[in-house]
Amino acid sequence: MKPAALLLDLDGTLVDSEPLQREGYRRFFASRGWDVPDLSVFTGRRAEDVLPTLDGPWRDDDHAAIAREVTDLVPRDVAPAAVPGAPELIRAAVDAEVRIAVVTSAGPAWVQQAVGDGLGLLDLVDVVVTAQDVVDGKPHPACYLLACERLGLHPGAALAAEDSTAGVRSAVAAGVGHVVGVTTRRPAAELRDAGAHATHPDLRAVAELVRRLVP
């Protein structure tokens, strides 16, 4: 069945940006003279949601301000590489008249850098939902519900692609009809346990599926 829209996570799903994001965190903690925590806990989630759950000298800081500092420290001289199949998927969706939303735990500046400057495809995206658009981040369903609201469709009519358990849980909780787990960061079994209906190593299989929908 043809999905009414693609709801696409950004980091680890459209672009292989985790090393750059983690470098931003390392630079931030180093600037404060703090030990670096396990950075894997930030995968797919907003810094302002994760930091209060971790023991450390940051507990009483302004976590939203920290998130902005981390974003500013992400290397800007290296463009994140596209996850295989990502550009093809976006172009195939346009050709098939399937609408596209980017649903990310990052901020709008990173969306511009990664999707606009990096992939050169931001003008093909219909809706962008970032960390600044919702009160509760992933795994809360608010971001996916907002994306569907802005697209004017029921979540059950959409297909979502996510690389993190938090993202998969967010899409499933929102009632997205088909959730694909992309195993760029987490094993397939973990994403399925979180609720993914299918898993793929990248987006090439999803791009081929959408390409078949082109008249």
C-alpha atoms as a PDB file:
ATOM      1  CA  MET A   1       0.000   0.000   0.000  1.00  0.00           C
ATOM      2  CA  LYS A   2       1.261   3.456  -0.892  1.00  0.00           C
ATOM      3  CA  PRO A   3       2.147   5.526   2.204  1.00  0.00           C
ATOM      4  CA  ALA A   4       0.694   9.005   2.318  1.00  0.00           C
ATOM      5  CA  ALA A   5       3.980  10.354   3.675  1.00  0.00           C
ATOM      6  CA  LEU A   6       7.504   9.439   4.721  1.00  0.00           C
ATOM      7  CA  LEU A   7       8.462  10.536   8.233  1.00  0.00           C
ATOM      8  CA  LEU A   8      12.254  10.444   8.341  1.00  0.00           C
ATOM      9  CA  ASP A   9      14.583  10.764  11.278  1.00  0.00           C
ATOM     10  CA  LEU A  10      17.806  12.633  10.484  1.00  0.00           C
ATOM     11  CA  ASP A  11      20.925  11.537  12.374  1.00  0.00           C
ATOM     12  CA  GLY A  12      21.785   7.918  11.641  1.00  0.00           C
ATOM     13  CA  THR A  13      18.827   7.579   9.274  1.00  0.00           C
ATOM     14  CA  LEU A  14      19.375  10.138   6.520  1.00  0.00           C
ATOM     15  CA  VAL A  15      22.973  11.063   7.351  1.00  0.00           C
ATOM     16  CA  ASP A  16      25.808   9.220   9.085  1.00  0.00           C
ATOM     17  CA  SER A  17      26.377  12.052  11.528  1.00  0.00           C
ATOM     18  CA  GLU A  18      26.771  10.261  14.848  1.00  0.00           C
ATOM     19  CA  PRO A  19      30.595  10.734  14.916  1.00  0.00           C
ATOM     20  CA  LEU A  20      30.162  14.483  14.382  1.00  0.00           C
ATOM     21  CA  GLN A  21      27.439  14.750  17.018  1.00  0.00           C
ATOM     22  CA  ARG A  22      29.546  12.843  19.548  1.00  0.00           C
ATOM     23  CA  GLU A  23      32.511  15.108  18.835  1.00  0.00           C
ATOM     24  CA  GLY A  24      30.304  18.071  19.717  1.00  0.00           C
ATOM     25  CA  TYR A  25      29.514  16.449  23.065  1.00  0.00           C
ATOM     26  CA  ARG A  26      33.188  15.631  23.706  1.00  0.00           C
ATOM     27  CA  ARG A  27      34.201  19.222  22.995  1.00  0.00           C
ATOM     28  CA  PHE A  28      31.507  20.519  25.318  1.00  0.00           C
ATOM     29  CA  PHE A  29      32.454  18.289  28.265  1.00  0.00           C
ATOM     30  CA  ALA A  30      36.144  19.046  27.703  1.00  0.00           C
ATOM     31  CA  SER A  31      35.415  22.789  27.757  1.00  0.00           C
ATOM     32  CA  ARG A  32      33.916  22.368  31.234  1.00  0.00           C
ATOM     33  CA  GLY A  33      36.614  19.992  32.467  1.00  0.00           C
ATOM     34  CA  TRP A  34      34.015  17.286  33.020  1.00  0.00           C
ATOM     35  CA  ASP A  35      34.360  13.563  32.438  1.00  0.00           C
ATOM     36  CA  VAL A  36      32.621  12.397  29.280  1.00  0.00           C
ATOM     37  CA  PRO A  37      29.629  10.130  30.047  1.00  0.00           C
ATOM     38  CA  ASP A  38      28.461   7.248  27.877  1.00  0.00           C
ATOM     39  CA  LEU A  39      27.476   9.184  24.759  1.00  0.00           C
ATOM     40  CA  SER A  40      25.377   6.347  23.351  1.00  0.00           C
ATOM     41  CA  VAL A  41      22.549   7.397  25.686  1.00  0.00           C
ATOM     42  CA  PHE A  42      22.085  10.540  23.584  1.00  0.00           C
ATOM     43  CA  THR A  43      21.410   8.595  20.370  1.00  0.00           C
ATOM     44  CA  GLY A  44      18.039   9.629  18.973  1.00  0.00           C
ATOM     45  CA  ARG A  45      17.221  11.852  21.941  1.00  0.00           C
ATOM     46  CA  ARG A  46      17.497  15.519  22.856  1.00  0.00           C
ATOM     47  CA  ALA A  47      20.325  16.526  25.171  1.00  0.00           C
ATOM     48  CA  GLU A  48      17.884  18.450  27.361  1.00  0.00           C
ATOM     49  CA  ASP A  49      15.914  15.241  27.957  1.00  0.00           C
ATOM     50  CA  VAL A  50      18.920  13.008  28.659  1.00  0.00           C
ATOM     51  CA  LEU A  51      21.128  15.241  30.834  1.00  0.00           C
ATOM     52  CA  PRO A  52      18.725  15.410  33.806  1.00  0.00           C
ATOM     53  CA  THR A  53      18.767  11.609  33.985  1.00  0.00           C
ATOM     54  CA  LEU A  54      22.573  11.378  34.266  1.00  0.00           C
ATOM     55  CA  ASP A  55      24.539  11.923  37.446  1.00  0.00           C
ATOM     56  CA  GLY A  56      27.117  14.659  36.988  1.00  0.00           C
ATOM     57  CA  PRO A  57      27.950  18.334  37.536  1.00  0.00           C
ATOM     58  CA  TRP A  58      25.513  19.304  34.779  1.00  0.00           C
ATOM     59  CA  ARG A  59      22.459  18.216  36.773  1.00  0.00           C
ATOM     60  CA  ASP A  60      21.518  21.734  37.899  1.00  0.00           C
ATOM     61  CA  ASP A  61      22.545  23.549  34.713  1.00  0.00           C
ATOM     62  CA  ASP A  62      20.256  24.931  32.009  1.00  0.00           C
ATOM     63  CA  HIS A  63      19.977  21.785  29.882  1.00  0.00           C
ATOM     64  CA  ALA A  64      18.473  23.558  26.876  1.00  0.00           C
ATOM     65  CA  ALA A  65      21.426  25.973  26.925  1.00  0.00           C
ATOM     66  CA  ILE A  66      23.819  23.013  27.049  1.00  0.00           C
ATOM     67  CA  ALA A  67      22.090  21.517  24.018  1.00  0.00           C
ATOM     68  CA  ARG A  68      22.662  24.753  22.106  1.00  0.00           C
ATOM     69  CA  GLU A  69      26.333  24.792  23.137  1.00  0.00           C
ATOM     70  CA  VAL A  70      26.808  21.216  21.966  1.00  0.00           C
ATOM     71  CA  THR A  71      25.240  22.079  18.597  1.00  0.00           C
ATOM     72  CA  ASP A  72      27.594  25.036  18.222  1.00  0.00           C
ATOM     73  CA  LEU A  73      30.581  22.737  18.879  1.00  0.00           C
ATOM     74  CA  VAL A  74      29.685  20.117  16.267  1.00  0.00           C
ATOM     75  CA  PRO A  75      32.391  20.279  13.548  1.00  0.00           C
ATOM     76  CA  ARG A  76      31.255  22.451  10.637  1.00  0.00           C
ATOM     77  CA  ASP A  77      34.088  21.719   8.229  1.00  0.00           C
ATOM     78  CA  VAL A  78      32.972  18.146   7.520  1.00  0.00           C
ATOM     79  CA  ALA A  79      29.662  17.395   5.832  1.00  0.00           C
ATOM     80  CA  PRO A  80      27.951  14.259   7.161  1.00  0.00           C
ATOM     81  CA  ALA A  81      27.803  11.469   4.601  1.00  0.00           C
ATOM     82  CA  ALA A  82      24.422  10.346   3.346  1.00  0.00           C
ATOM     83  CA  VAL A  83      23.200   6.984   4.577  1.00  0.00           C
ATOM     84  CA  PRO A  84      23.059   4.761   1.452  1.00  0.00           C
ATOM     85  CA  GLY A  85      19.707   5.155  -0.246  1.00  0.00           C
ATOM     86  CA  ALA A  86      18.772   8.416   1.477  1.00  0.00           C
ATOM     87  CA  PRO A  87      18.973  10.772  -1.534  1.00  0.00           C
ATOM     88  CA  GLU A  88      17.322   8.162  -3.749  1.00  0.00           C
ATOM     89  CA  LEU A  89      14.504   7.706  -1.234  1.00  0.00           C
ATOM     90  CA  ILE A  90      13.715  11.413  -1.068  1.00  0.00           C
ATOM     91  CA  ARG A  91      13.762  11.803  -4.852  1.00  0.00           C
ATOM     92  CA  ALA A  92      11.656   8.649  -5.325  1.00  0.00           C
ATOM     93  CA  ALA A  93       9.107   9.977  -2.830  1.00  0.00           C
ATOM     94  CA  VAL A  94       8.831  13.226  -4.767  1.00  0.00           C
ATOM     95  CA  ASP A  95       8.367  11.318  -8.024  1.00  0.00           C
ATOM     96  CA  ALA A  96       5.693   9.128  -6.412  1.00  0.00           C
ATOM     97  CA  GLU A  97       3.947  12.185  -4.924  1.00  0.00           C
ATOM     98  CA  VAL A  98       4.564  10.926  -1.395  1.00  0.00           C
ATOM     99  CA  ARG A  99       5.038  13.800   1.029  1.00  0.00           C
ATOM    100  CA  ILE A 100       8.143  14.011   3.210  1.00  0.00           C
ATOM    101  CA  ALA A 101       8.733  15.136   6.790  1.00  0.00           C
ATOM    102  CA  VAL A 102      12.040  15.231   8.646  1.00  0.00           C
ATOM    103  CA  VAL A 103      11.395  14.462  12.318  1.00  0.00           C
ATOM    104  CA  THR A 104      14.531  15.015  14.379  1.00  0.00           C
ATOM    105  CA  SER A 105      15.788  15.496  17.923  1.00  0.00           C
ATOM    106  CA  ALA A 106      18.284  18.038  16.564  1.00  0.00           C
ATOM    107  CA  GLY A 107      17.722  21.764  16.062  1.00  0.00           C
ATOM    108  CA  PRO A 108      16.881  23.661  12.866  1.00  0.00           C
ATOM    109  CA  ALA A 109      20.468  24.797  12.281  1.00  0.00           C
ATOM    110  CA  TRP A 110      21.617  21.188  12.060  1.00  0.00           C
ATOM    111  CA  VAL A 111      18.764  20.322   9.686  1.00  0.00           C
ATOM    112  CA  GLN A 112      19.954  23.101   7.410  1.00  0.00           C
ATOM    113  CA  GLN A 113      23.576  21.938   7.605  1.00  0.00           C
ATOM    114  CA  ALA A 114      22.856  18.239   7.132  1.00  0.00           C
ATOM    115  CA  VAL A 115      19.872  18.166   4.754  1.00  0.00           C
ATOM    116  CA  GLY A 116      20.210  21.558   3.108  1.00  0.00           C
ATOM    117  CA  ASP A 117      23.937  22.145   2.769  1.00  0.00           C
ATOM    118  CA  GLY A 118      25.025  18.495   2.989  1.00  0.00           C
ATOM    119  CA  LEU A 119      22.453  16.580   0.944  1.00  0.00           C
ATOM    120  CA  GLY A 120      21.109  19.562  -0.979  1.00  0.00           C
ATOM    121  CA  LEU A 121      17.582  18.197  -0.591  1.00  0.00           C
ATOM    122  CA  LEU A 122      15.885  20.408   1.987  1.00  0.00           C
ATOM    123  CA  ASP A 123      13.761  22.085  -0.680  1.00  0.00           C
ATOM    124  CA  LEU A 124      12.143  18.693  -1.378  1.00  0.00           C
ATOM    125  CA  VAL A 125      11.010  18.263   2.237  1.00  0.00           C
ATOM    126  CA  ASP A 126       7.436  19.349   3.015  1.00  0.00           C
ATOM    127  CA  VAL A 127       7.606  19.519   6.820  1.00  0.00           C
ATOM    128  CA  VAL A 128      10.418  19.731   9.375  1.00  0.00           C
ATOM    129  CA  VAL A 129       9.885  19.016  13.074  1.00  0.00           C
ATOM    130  CA  THR A 130      12.883  19.723  15.322  1.00  0.00           C
ATOM    131  CA  ALA A 131      13.707  19.611  19.016  1.00  0.00           C
ATOM    132  CA  GLN A 132      12.449  23.178  19.346  1.00  0.00           C
ATOM    133  CA  ASP A 133       8.949  22.337  18.144  1.00  0.00           C
ATOM    134  CA  VAL A 134       7.885  20.008  20.968  1.00  0.00           C
ATOM    135  CA  VAL A 135       7.911  20.059  24.751  1.00  0.00           C
ATOM    136  CA  ASP A 136       8.636  16.324  25.043  1.00  0.00           C
ATOM    137  CA  GLY A 137      11.275  14.670  22.868  1.00  0.00           C
ATOM    138  CA  LYS A 138      11.584  11.096  21.640  1.00  0.00           C
ATOM    139  CA  PRO A 139      10.524   8.482  22.777  1.00  0.00           C
ATOM    140  CA  HIS A 140       7.447  10.635  23.443  1.00  0.00           C
ATOM    141  CA  PRO A 141       5.209  10.592  20.335  1.00  0.00           C
ATOM    142  CA  ALA A 142       4.738  14.385  20.208  1.00  0.00           C
ATOM    143  CA  CYS A 143       7.160  14.986  17.314  1.00  0.00           C
ATOM    144  CA  TYR A 144       5.532  12.404  15.038  1.00  0.00           C
ATOM    145  CA  LEU A 145       2.045  13.529  15.945  1.00  0.00           C
ATOM    146  CA  LEU A 146       3.022  17.111  15.121  1.00  0.00           C
ATOM    147  CA  ALA A 147       4.554  16.084  11.790  1.00  0.00           C
ATOM    148  CA  CYS A 148       1.336  14.298  10.825  1.00  0.00           C
ATOM    149  CA  GLU A 149      -0.753  17.235  11.978  1.00  0.00           C
ATOM    150  CA  ARG A 150       1.295  19.597   9.805  1.00  0.00           C
ATOM    151  CA  LEU A 151       0.986  17.224   6.864  1.00  0.00           C
ATOM    152  CA  GLY A 152      -2.761  16.931   7.451  1.00  0.00           C
ATOM    153  CA  LEU A 153      -2.848  13.137   7.632  1.00  0.00           C
ATOM    154  CA  HIS A 154      -3.492  10.304  10.063  1.00  0.00           C
ATOM    155  CA  PRO A 155      -0.302   8.679  11.423  1.00  0.00           C
ATOM    156  CA  GLY A 156      -1.574   5.284  10.344  1.00  0.00           C
ATOM    157  CA  ALA A 157      -1.220   6.341   6.706  1.00  0.00           C
ATOM    158  CA  ALA A 158       2.506   7.130   7.027  1.00  0.00           C
ATOM    159  CA  LEU A 159       5.801   5.250   6.964  1.00  0.00           C
ATOM    160  CA  ALA A 160       8.552   6.235   9.409  1.00  0.00           C
ATOM    161  CA  ALA A 161      12.265   5.383   9.317  1.00  0.00           C
ATOM    162  CA  GLU A 162      14.337   5.496  12.501  1.00  0.00           C
ATOM    163  CA  ASP A 163      17.761   4.263  13.654  1.00  0.00           C
ATOM    164  CA  SER A 164      17.286   4.469  17.441  1.00  0.00           C
ATOM    165  CA  THR A 165      15.069   2.650  19.906  1.00  0.00           C
ATOM    166  CA  ALA A 166      13.831   5.999  21.232  1.00  0.00           C
ATOM    167  CA  GLY A 167      12.829   7.047  17.734  1.00  0.00           C
ATOM    168  CA  VAL A 168      11.123   3.754  16.942  1.00  0.00           C
ATOM    169  CA  ARG A 169       9.150   3.923  20.189  1.00  0.00           C
ATOM    170  CA  SER A 170       8.157   7.505  19.395  1.00  0.00           C
ATOM    171  CA  ALA A 171       6.802   6.584  15.959  1.00  0.00           C
ATOM    172  CA  VAL A 172       5.025   3.470  17.238  1.00  0.00           C
ATOM    173  CA  ALA A 173       3.434   5.392  20.112  1.00  0.00           C
ATOM    174  CA  ALA A 174       2.187   7.985  17.618  1.00  0.00           C
ATOM    175  CA  GLY A 175       0.407   5.238  15.700  1.00  0.00           C
ATOM    176  CA  VAL A 176       2.525   5.418  12.548  1.00  0.00           C
ATOM    177  CA  GLY A 177       1.321   2.663  10.232  1.00  0.00           C
ATOM    178  CA  HIS A 178       4.683   1.203   9.243  1.00  0.00           C
ATOM    179  CA  VAL A 179       7.927   1.808  11.145  1.00  0.00           C
ATOM    180  CA  VAL A 180      11.249   0.810   9.579  1.00  0.00           C
ATOM    181  CA  GLY A 181      14.288   0.360  11.793  1.00  0.00           C
ATOM    182  CA  VAL A 182      17.577   1.342  10.123  1.00  0.00           C
ATOM    183  CA  THR A 183      20.447  -0.614  11.669  1.00  0.00           C
ATOM    184  CA  THR A 184      23.191   2.000  11.279  1.00  0.00           C
ATOM    185  CA  ARG A 185      23.613   2.256  15.060  1.00  0.00           C
ATOM    186  CA  ARG A 186      21.494  -0.389  16.817  1.00  0.00           C
ATOM    187  CA  PRO A 187      21.044  -4.105  16.045  1.00  0.00           C
ATOM    188  CA  ALA A 188      17.934  -5.249  14.226  1.00  0.00           C
ATOM    189  CA  ALA A 189      16.644  -7.272  17.185  1.00  0.00           C
ATOM    190  CA  GLU A 190      16.804  -4.220  19.444  1.00  0.00           C
ATOM    191  CA  LEU A 191      14.844  -2.092  16.983  1.00  0.00           C
ATOM    192  CA  ARG A 192      12.257  -4.824  16.516  1.00  0.00           C
ATOM    193  CA  ASP A 193      11.892  -5.148  20.288  1.00  0.00           C
ATOM    194  CA  ALA A 194      11.193  -1.403  20.345  1.00  0.00           C
ATOM    195  CA  GLY A 195       8.369  -1.959  17.865  1.00  0.00           C
ATOM    196  CA  ALA A 196       9.853  -1.681  14.356  1.00  0.00           C
ATOM    197  CA  HIS A 197       7.792  -3.577  11.800  1.00  0.00           C
ATOM    198  CA  ALA A 198      10.823  -4.197   9.571  1.00  0.00           C
ATOM    199  CA  THR A 199      14.563  -3.526   9.657  1.00  0.00           C
ATOM    200  CA  HIS A 200      17.113  -2.734   6.959  1.00  0.00           C
ATOM    201  CA  PRO A 201      20.850  -1.904   7.048  1.00  0.00           C
ATOM    202  CA  ASP A 202      20.207   1.391   5.224  1.00  0.00           C
ATOM    203  CA  LEU A 203      17.533   3.093   3.103  1.00  0.00           C
ATOM    204  CA  ARG A 204      18.153   1.421  -0.255  1.00  0.00           C
ATOM    205  CA  ALA A 205      15.395  -1.156   0.188  1.00  0.00           C
ATOM    206  CA  VAL A 206      12.921   1.538   1.226  1.00  0.00           C
ATOM    207  CA  ALA A 207      13.943   3.690  -1.755  1.00  0.00           C
ATOM    208  CA  GLU A 208      13.340   0.753  -4.100  1.00  0.00           C
ATOM    209  CA  LEU A 209       9.929   0.144  -2.532  1.00  0.00           C
ATOM    210  CA  VAL A 210       8.913   3.769  -3.071  1.00  0.00           C
ATOM    211  CA  ARG A 211      10.432   3.820  -6.570  1.00  0.00           C
ATOM    212  CA  ARG A 212       8.015   1.062  -7.576  1.00  0.00           C
ATOM    213  CA  LEU A 213       5.140   3.391  -6.742  1.00  0.00           C
ATOM    214  CA  VAL A 214       6.117   5.838  -9.496  1.00  0.00           C
ATOM    215  CA  PRO A 215       3.559   5.634 -12.328  1.00  0.00           C
END
